[in-house]
């Protein structure tokens, strides 16, 4: 019995169903420790598919169709990893990609905290802007991190 579907159409149909799984591990570049919760995202046009790493730094993105993708791996406090990946019929069905992220340098605003004991000074006589925060207000603040508290001044 002959098939009623011509071979070229059957071949093209099978290629359209082809998919690849990308697996790997995301670690800190300096000490090779796994990064829990790193975002691994494949972007193609307006579509995104992705995964987050587990406690061992492993991730799996399944059922990736043929095409060109931009891979973005991000984690708070680390530089974002970017790579263009082309998935074609020669790509193995299980594609392994391990990634090491570098710690990013953060530039933050500087806060200078000074205090004085003794004579009281008028705010209008001060050579710089002054914000007065009482000890009581600091102690009752819900945030125990004093640096975070000063950001809201």
N, C-alpha and C. Protein backbone atom coordinates (compact mmCIF):
# COMPACT_ATOMS: atom_id res chain seq x y z
N UNK A 1 0.83 -1.17 0.00
CA UNK A 1 0.00 0.00 0.00
C UNK A 1 0.88 1.24 0.00
N UNK A 2 0.63 2.15 -0.89
CA UNK A 2 1.42 3.36 -1.01
C UNK A 2 0.85 4.46 -0.13
N UNK A 3 1.75 5.29 0.40
CA UNK A 3 1.32 6.42 1.21
C UNK A 3 0.81 7.53 0.30
N UNK A 4 -0.24 8.18 0.72
CA UNK A 4 -0.78 9.26 -0.09
C UNK A 4 -0.09 10.60 0.18
N UNK A 5 0.78 10.66 1.19
CA UNK A 5 1.51 11.88 1.51
C UNK A 5 2.90 11.78 0.88
N UNK A 6 3.25 12.72 0.01
CA UNK A 6 4.58 12.68 -0.62
C UNK A 6 5.69 12.80 0.42
N UNK A 7 6.81 12.16 0.15
CA UNK A 7 7.94 12.12 1.08
C UNK A 7 8.44 13.50 1.48
N UNK A 8 8.63 14.47 0.56
CA UNK A 8 9.14 15.78 0.99
C UNK A 8 8.25 16.46 2.03
N UNK A 9 6.94 16.32 1.90
CA UNK A 9 6.04 16.93 2.89
C UNK A 9 6.15 16.23 4.24
N UNK A 10 6.31 14.92 4.21
CA UNK A 10 6.46 14.16 5.44
C UNK A 10 7.75 14.57 6.15
N UNK A 11 8.84 14.75 5.36
CA UNK A 11 10.12 15.16 5.92
C UNK A 11 10.03 16.55 6.55
N UNK A 12 9.43 17.51 5.87
CA UNK A 12 9.27 18.86 6.39
C UNK A 12 8.40 18.87 7.64
N UNK A 13 7.36 18.04 7.65
CA UNK A 13 6.48 17.95 8.81
C UNK A 13 7.25 17.42 10.02
N UNK A 14 8.09 16.42 9.80
CA UNK A 14 8.86 15.85 10.91
C UNK A 14 9.87 16.86 11.45
N UNK A 15 10.43 17.72 10.56
CA UNK A 15 11.36 18.75 11.02
C UNK A 15 10.65 19.80 11.87
N UNK A 16 9.42 20.11 11.49
CA UNK A 16 8.68 21.12 12.26
C UNK A 16 8.34 20.61 13.66
N UNK A 17 8.29 19.31 13.84
CA UNK A 17 8.01 18.74 15.17
C UNK A 17 9.27 18.53 15.99
N UNK A 18 10.45 18.66 15.34
CA UNK A 18 11.71 18.43 16.04
C UNK A 18 11.86 19.45 17.16
N UNK A 19 12.35 18.98 18.29
CA UNK A 19 12.58 19.89 19.42
C UNK A 19 13.82 19.43 20.17
N UNK A 20 14.38 20.39 20.91
CA UNK A 20 15.61 20.16 21.64
C UNK A 20 15.38 20.53 23.10
N UNK A 21 16.03 19.82 23.99
CA UNK A 21 16.03 20.16 25.41
C UNK A 21 17.41 20.72 25.74
N UNK A 22 17.44 21.90 26.37
CA UNK A 22 18.71 22.47 26.83
C UNK A 22 18.78 22.28 28.33
N UNK A 23 19.87 21.69 28.76
CA UNK A 23 20.10 21.47 30.19
C UNK A 23 21.48 22.00 30.55
N UNK A 24 21.70 22.21 31.81
CA UNK A 24 23.01 22.66 32.24
C UNK A 24 23.00 23.08 33.68
N UNK A 25 24.03 23.78 34.05
CA UNK A 25 24.22 24.20 35.42
C UNK A 25 24.75 25.62 35.43
N UNK A 26 24.24 26.46 36.34
CA UNK A 26 24.70 27.84 36.49
C UNK A 26 25.42 27.95 37.82
N UNK A 27 26.68 28.41 37.77
CA UNK A 27 27.51 28.50 38.97
C UNK A 27 28.19 29.86 39.06
N UNK A 28 28.73 30.16 40.24
CA UNK A 28 29.55 31.34 40.46
C UNK A 28 30.91 31.07 39.82
N UNK A 29 31.38 31.99 39.00
CA UNK A 29 32.64 31.80 38.27
C UNK A 29 33.85 31.68 39.20
N UNK A 30 33.82 32.40 40.31
CA UNK A 30 34.98 32.43 41.20
C UNK A 30 35.13 31.16 42.04
N UNK A 31 34.01 30.68 42.61
CA UNK A 31 34.13 29.55 43.53
C UNK A 31 33.36 28.30 43.08
N UNK A 32 32.76 28.35 41.90
CA UNK A 32 32.05 27.20 41.31
C UNK A 32 30.86 26.72 42.15
N UNK A 33 30.32 27.60 43.00
CA UNK A 33 29.15 27.25 43.81
C UNK A 33 27.89 27.44 42.97
N UNK A 34 26.89 26.55 43.12
CA UNK A 34 25.65 26.67 42.34
C UNK A 34 24.87 27.92 42.73
N UNK A 35 24.18 28.51 41.76
CA UNK A 35 23.36 29.69 41.99
C UNK A 35 21.89 29.29 41.93
N UNK A 36 21.27 29.21 43.08
CA UNK A 36 19.86 28.82 43.21
C UNK A 36 18.96 29.95 42.75
N UNK A 37 18.05 29.66 41.83
CA UNK A 37 17.07 30.65 41.38
C UNK A 37 17.54 31.56 40.26
N UNK A 38 18.64 31.22 39.60
CA UNK A 38 19.08 32.01 38.44
C UNK A 38 18.06 31.83 37.32
N UNK A 39 17.79 32.89 36.58
CA UNK A 39 16.83 32.84 35.47
C UNK A 39 17.56 32.53 34.17
N UNK A 40 17.11 31.49 33.48
CA UNK A 40 17.66 31.09 32.20
C UNK A 40 16.53 31.21 31.18
N UNK A 41 16.66 32.15 30.24
CA UNK A 41 15.56 32.46 29.32
C UNK A 41 16.06 32.43 27.88
N UNK A 42 15.27 31.75 27.02
CA UNK A 42 15.51 31.73 25.58
C UNK A 42 14.51 32.69 24.95
N UNK A 43 15.01 33.67 24.19
CA UNK A 43 14.15 34.69 23.58
C UNK A 43 14.23 34.56 22.07
N UNK A 44 13.05 34.51 21.44
CA UNK A 44 12.96 34.49 19.98
C UNK A 44 11.82 35.41 19.58
N UNK A 45 12.15 36.53 18.93
CA UNK A 45 11.16 37.55 18.58
C UNK A 45 10.44 38.00 19.85
N UNK A 46 9.14 37.79 19.93
CA UNK A 46 8.38 38.20 21.11
C UNK A 46 8.12 37.05 22.07
N UNK A 47 8.63 35.86 21.76
CA UNK A 47 8.37 34.68 22.59
C UNK A 47 9.54 34.43 23.53
N UNK A 48 9.21 34.02 24.74
CA UNK A 48 10.22 33.67 25.73
C UNK A 48 9.87 32.33 26.36
N UNK A 49 10.86 31.48 26.49
CA UNK A 49 10.70 30.25 27.27
C UNK A 49 11.90 30.16 28.19
N UNK A 50 11.67 29.63 29.37
CA UNK A 50 12.79 29.60 30.28
C UNK A 50 12.56 28.75 31.50
N UNK A 51 13.50 28.87 32.41
CA UNK A 51 13.50 28.06 33.61
C UNK A 51 14.32 28.78 34.68
N UNK A 52 14.18 28.33 35.90
CA UNK A 52 15.02 28.81 37.00
C UNK A 52 15.83 27.63 37.52
N UNK A 53 17.00 27.92 38.04
CA UNK A 53 17.87 26.85 38.52
C UNK A 53 17.40 26.32 39.87
N UNK A 54 17.70 25.05 40.12
CA UNK A 54 17.36 24.43 41.40
C UNK A 54 18.50 24.65 42.40
N UNK A 55 18.43 24.00 43.55
CA UNK A 55 19.43 24.20 44.60
C UNK A 55 20.83 23.74 44.20
N UNK A 56 20.93 22.90 43.19
CA UNK A 56 22.23 22.46 42.69
C UNK A 56 22.70 23.28 41.49
N UNK A 57 21.88 24.28 41.09
CA UNK A 57 22.23 25.13 39.95
C UNK A 57 21.80 24.58 38.61
N UNK A 58 21.08 23.44 38.60
CA UNK A 58 20.66 22.81 37.35
C UNK A 58 19.40 23.47 36.79
N UNK A 59 19.32 23.50 35.47
CA UNK A 59 18.12 24.01 34.79
C UNK A 59 17.81 23.10 33.60
N UNK A 60 16.56 23.13 33.17
CA UNK A 60 16.12 22.40 31.98
C UNK A 60 15.11 23.27 31.24
N UNK A 61 15.34 23.49 29.96
CA UNK A 61 14.36 24.15 29.11
C UNK A 61 13.99 23.13 28.05
N UNK A 62 12.74 22.71 28.04
CA UNK A 62 12.30 21.62 27.17
C UNK A 62 11.55 22.13 25.96
N UNK A 63 11.53 21.29 24.95
CA UNK A 63 10.71 21.47 23.77
C UNK A 63 11.02 22.77 23.02
N UNK A 64 12.30 23.01 22.76
CA UNK A 64 12.72 24.18 22.01
C UNK A 64 12.68 23.83 20.52
N UNK A 65 11.96 24.60 19.76
CA UNK A 65 11.80 24.37 18.33
C UNK A 65 13.01 24.91 17.58
N UNK A 66 13.13 24.52 16.32
CA UNK A 66 14.23 24.98 15.48
C UNK A 66 14.16 26.50 15.31
N UNK A 67 15.33 27.14 15.26
CA UNK A 67 15.38 28.58 15.05
C UNK A 67 16.55 29.22 15.77
N UNK A 68 16.61 30.54 15.68
CA UNK A 68 17.67 31.33 16.31
C UNK A 68 17.12 31.96 17.59
N UNK A 69 17.86 31.82 18.69
CA UNK A 69 17.43 32.31 20.00
C UNK A 69 18.54 33.14 20.63
N UNK A 70 18.15 34.03 21.51
CA UNK A 70 19.09 34.73 22.38
C UNK A 70 18.92 34.15 23.78
N UNK A 71 19.98 33.60 24.32
CA UNK A 71 19.95 33.03 25.66
C UNK A 71 20.41 34.11 26.64
N UNK A 72 19.61 34.37 27.66
CA UNK A 72 19.94 35.33 28.71
C UNK A 72 19.89 34.62 30.06
N UNK A 73 20.98 34.71 30.80
CA UNK A 73 21.04 34.12 32.14
C UNK A 73 21.32 35.25 33.11
N UNK A 74 20.43 35.41 34.09
CA UNK A 74 20.60 36.52 35.04
C UNK A 74 20.41 36.03 36.48
N UNK A 75 21.10 36.72 37.37
CA UNK A 75 21.02 36.43 38.80
C UNK A 75 21.39 37.72 39.52
N UNK A 76 20.66 38.05 40.57
CA UNK A 76 20.89 39.31 41.28
C UNK A 76 22.32 39.36 41.82
N UNK A 77 22.99 40.46 41.53
CA UNK A 77 24.36 40.66 42.00
C UNK A 77 25.42 40.11 41.05
N UNK A 78 24.98 39.58 39.90
CA UNK A 78 25.91 39.00 38.93
C UNK A 78 25.67 39.63 37.56
N UNK A 79 26.73 39.64 36.73
CA UNK A 79 26.60 40.12 35.36
C UNK A 79 25.71 39.17 34.57
N UNK A 80 24.91 39.71 33.66
CA UNK A 80 24.03 38.89 32.82
C UNK A 80 24.86 38.22 31.73
N UNK A 81 24.61 36.95 31.53
CA UNK A 81 25.27 36.16 30.48
C UNK A 81 24.35 36.16 29.27
N UNK A 82 24.91 36.47 28.09
CA UNK A 82 24.12 36.49 26.86
C UNK A 82 24.85 35.69 25.78
N UNK A 83 24.08 34.91 25.04
CA UNK A 83 24.67 34.10 23.97
C UNK A 83 23.60 33.82 22.92
N UNK A 84 23.99 33.90 21.65
CA UNK A 84 23.07 33.54 20.58
C UNK A 84 23.20 32.04 20.32
N UNK A 85 22.06 31.37 20.26
CA UNK A 85 22.05 29.93 20.03
C UNK A 85 21.17 29.63 18.81
N UNK A 86 21.69 28.83 17.91
CA UNK A 86 20.92 28.42 16.74
C UNK A 86 20.62 26.93 16.88
N UNK A 87 19.33 26.62 16.92
CA UNK A 87 18.88 25.24 17.01
C UNK A 87 18.49 24.80 15.59
N UNK A 88 19.19 23.79 15.09
CA UNK A 88 18.86 23.27 13.75
C UNK A 88 18.80 21.75 13.81
N UNK A 89 18.61 21.13 12.66
CA UNK A 89 18.45 19.67 12.63
C UNK A 89 19.73 18.94 13.05
N UNK A 90 20.88 19.63 13.08
CA UNK A 90 22.13 19.00 13.52
C UNK A 90 22.37 19.13 15.02
N UNK A 91 21.56 19.92 15.70
CA UNK A 91 21.69 20.11 17.14
C UNK A 91 21.24 18.83 17.85
N UNK A 92 22.06 18.33 18.79
CA UNK A 92 21.63 17.13 19.51
C UNK A 92 20.35 17.39 20.30
N UNK A 93 19.57 16.35 20.48
CA UNK A 93 18.29 16.50 21.18
C UNK A 93 18.48 16.93 22.63
N UNK A 94 19.57 16.54 23.25
CA UNK A 94 19.91 16.98 24.60
C UNK A 94 21.15 17.85 24.49
N UNK A 95 20.97 19.16 24.52
CA UNK A 95 22.04 20.14 24.39
C UNK A 95 22.44 20.58 25.79
N UNK A 96 23.70 20.38 26.16
CA UNK A 96 24.17 20.71 27.52
C UNK A 96 24.98 22.00 27.45
N UNK A 97 24.60 22.97 28.29
CA UNK A 97 25.30 24.25 28.33
C UNK A 97 25.46 24.68 29.79
N UNK A 98 26.68 24.57 30.31
CA UNK A 98 26.99 25.02 31.66
C UNK A 98 27.48 26.46 31.60
N UNK A 99 27.07 27.27 32.58
CA UNK A 99 27.35 28.70 32.55
C UNK A 99 27.92 29.13 33.89
N UNK A 100 28.99 29.94 33.84
CA UNK A 100 29.59 30.51 35.05
C UNK A 100 29.39 32.02 35.01
N UNK A 101 28.75 32.57 36.03
CA UNK A 101 28.48 34.01 36.10
C UNK A 101 29.50 34.70 36.99
N UNK A 102 29.86 35.92 36.59
CA UNK A 102 30.79 36.74 37.37
C UNK A 102 30.01 37.72 38.24
N UNK A 103 30.54 37.98 39.43
CA UNK A 103 29.93 38.95 40.33
C UNK A 103 30.04 40.32 39.69
N UNK A 104 28.94 41.08 39.73
CA UNK A 104 28.97 42.43 39.16
C UNK A 104 29.34 43.43 40.25
N UNK A 105 29.92 44.51 39.82
CA UNK A 105 30.26 45.55 40.78
C UNK A 105 29.08 46.51 40.85
N UNK A 106 28.64 46.78 42.06
CA UNK A 106 27.52 47.68 42.28
C UNK A 106 28.03 49.02 42.74
N UNK A 107 27.51 50.07 42.13
CA UNK A 107 27.87 51.41 42.55
C UNK A 107 26.66 51.98 43.27
N UNK A 108 26.86 52.33 44.50
CA UNK A 108 25.76 52.85 45.31
C UNK A 108 26.08 54.27 45.75
N UNK A 109 25.03 55.00 46.12
CA UNK A 109 25.23 56.34 46.65
C UNK A 109 25.93 56.25 47.99
N UNK A 110 26.72 57.27 48.27
CA UNK A 110 27.46 57.30 49.51
C UNK A 110 26.69 58.11 50.56
N UNK A 111 26.64 57.59 51.77
CA UNK A 111 26.01 58.29 52.88
C UNK A 111 27.06 58.52 53.96
N UNK A 112 27.14 59.73 54.42
CA UNK A 112 28.06 60.05 55.51
C UNK A 112 27.20 60.34 56.73
N UNK A 113 27.45 59.61 57.78
CA UNK A 113 26.70 59.78 59.02
C UNK A 113 27.65 60.35 60.06
N UNK A 114 27.28 61.49 60.59
CA UNK A 114 28.10 62.08 61.65
C UNK A 114 27.21 62.37 62.84
N UNK A 115 27.83 62.45 63.96
CA UNK A 115 27.09 62.77 65.18
C UNK A 115 27.96 63.66 66.04
N UNK A 116 27.32 64.36 66.90
CA UNK A 116 28.10 65.20 67.80
C UNK A 116 27.46 65.16 69.18
N UNK A 117 28.27 65.35 70.15
CA UNK A 117 27.79 65.45 71.53
C UNK A 117 28.23 66.80 72.03
N UNK A 118 27.51 67.29 72.91
CA UNK A 118 27.90 68.59 73.45
C UNK A 118 26.94 69.66 73.01
N UNK A 119 27.48 70.73 72.48
CA UNK A 119 26.62 71.87 72.17
C UNK A 119 25.71 71.56 70.99
N UNK A 120 24.52 72.09 71.04
CA UNK A 120 23.56 71.92 69.96
C UNK A 120 23.85 72.97 68.90
N UNK A 121 23.69 72.56 67.66
CA UNK A 121 23.96 73.44 66.55
C UNK A 121 22.65 73.72 65.82
N UNK A 122 22.49 74.91 65.34
CA UNK A 122 21.30 75.24 64.57
C UNK A 122 21.43 74.62 63.18
N UNK A 123 20.31 74.10 62.68
CA UNK A 123 20.32 73.49 61.35
C UNK A 123 20.71 74.52 60.30
N UNK A 124 20.30 75.75 60.48
CA UNK A 124 20.60 76.79 59.48
C UNK A 124 22.08 77.16 59.47
N UNK A 125 22.83 76.84 60.52
CA UNK A 125 24.26 77.14 60.57
C UNK A 125 25.12 76.01 59.99
N UNK A 126 24.51 74.91 59.64
CA UNK A 126 25.27 73.75 59.15
C UNK A 126 25.79 74.00 57.74
N UNK A 127 27.01 73.51 57.42
CA UNK A 127 27.58 73.72 56.09
C UNK A 127 27.01 72.78 55.02
N UNK A 128 26.19 71.82 55.41
CA UNK A 128 25.62 70.86 54.45
C UNK A 128 24.19 70.55 54.86
N UNK A 129 23.48 69.82 53.98
CA UNK A 129 22.11 69.42 54.30
C UNK A 129 22.11 68.48 55.50
N UNK A 130 21.15 68.69 56.36
CA UNK A 130 21.07 67.87 57.57
C UNK A 130 19.68 67.27 57.67
N UNK A 131 19.65 65.99 57.98
CA UNK A 131 18.40 65.31 58.31
C UNK A 131 18.56 64.79 59.72
N UNK A 132 17.62 65.11 60.57
CA UNK A 132 17.71 64.68 61.96
C UNK A 132 16.84 63.44 62.14
N UNK A 133 17.47 62.39 62.63
CA UNK A 133 16.78 61.14 62.90
C UNK A 133 17.03 60.81 64.37
N UNK A 134 15.97 60.71 65.09
CA UNK A 134 16.13 60.43 66.51
C UNK A 134 16.49 58.96 66.73
N UNK A 135 17.12 58.71 67.86
CA UNK A 135 17.47 57.33 68.22
C UNK A 135 16.21 56.48 68.31
N UNK A 136 15.16 57.04 68.84
CA UNK A 136 13.90 56.31 68.98
C UNK A 136 13.35 55.90 67.61
N UNK A 137 13.43 56.82 66.63
CA UNK A 137 12.92 56.52 65.28
C UNK A 137 13.74 55.39 64.63
N UNK A 138 15.03 55.41 64.83
CA UNK A 138 15.89 54.36 64.27
C UNK A 138 15.57 53.02 64.92
N UNK A 139 15.41 53.01 66.24
CA UNK A 139 15.13 51.76 66.94
C UNK A 139 13.76 51.17 66.57
N UNK A 140 12.79 52.02 66.27
CA UNK A 140 11.45 51.52 65.95
C UNK A 140 11.26 51.24 64.46
N UNK A 141 12.26 51.55 63.66
CA UNK A 141 12.15 51.29 62.21
C UNK A 141 12.00 49.79 61.99
N UNK A 142 11.17 49.43 61.03
CA UNK A 142 10.92 48.01 60.78
C UNK A 142 12.09 47.34 60.08
N UNK A 143 12.97 48.11 59.46
CA UNK A 143 14.09 47.54 58.73
C UNK A 143 15.33 47.55 59.61
N UNK A 144 15.88 46.39 59.95
CA UNK A 144 17.06 46.35 60.80
C UNK A 144 18.34 46.77 60.08
N UNK A 145 18.30 46.89 58.75
CA UNK A 145 19.46 47.30 57.98
C UNK A 145 19.49 48.82 57.94
N UNK A 146 20.41 49.43 58.63
CA UNK A 146 20.48 50.88 58.75
C UNK A 146 20.72 51.54 57.39
N UNK A 147 21.47 50.90 56.50
CA UNK A 147 21.71 51.46 55.17
C UNK A 147 20.42 51.61 54.38
N UNK A 148 19.54 50.59 54.46
CA UNK A 148 18.25 50.67 53.78
C UNK A 148 17.39 51.77 54.37
N UNK A 149 17.51 51.99 55.66
CA UNK A 149 16.73 53.03 56.32
C UNK A 149 17.12 54.40 55.78
N UNK A 150 18.44 54.63 55.62
CA UNK A 150 18.92 55.93 55.16
C UNK A 150 18.54 56.22 53.71
N UNK A 151 18.29 55.20 52.91
CA UNK A 151 17.89 55.41 51.52
C UNK A 151 16.55 56.13 51.42
N UNK A 152 15.72 56.01 52.42
CA UNK A 152 14.39 56.61 52.39
C UNK A 152 14.35 58.02 52.95
N UNK A 153 15.48 58.57 53.30
CA UNK A 153 15.52 59.92 53.87
C UNK A 153 15.39 60.94 52.76
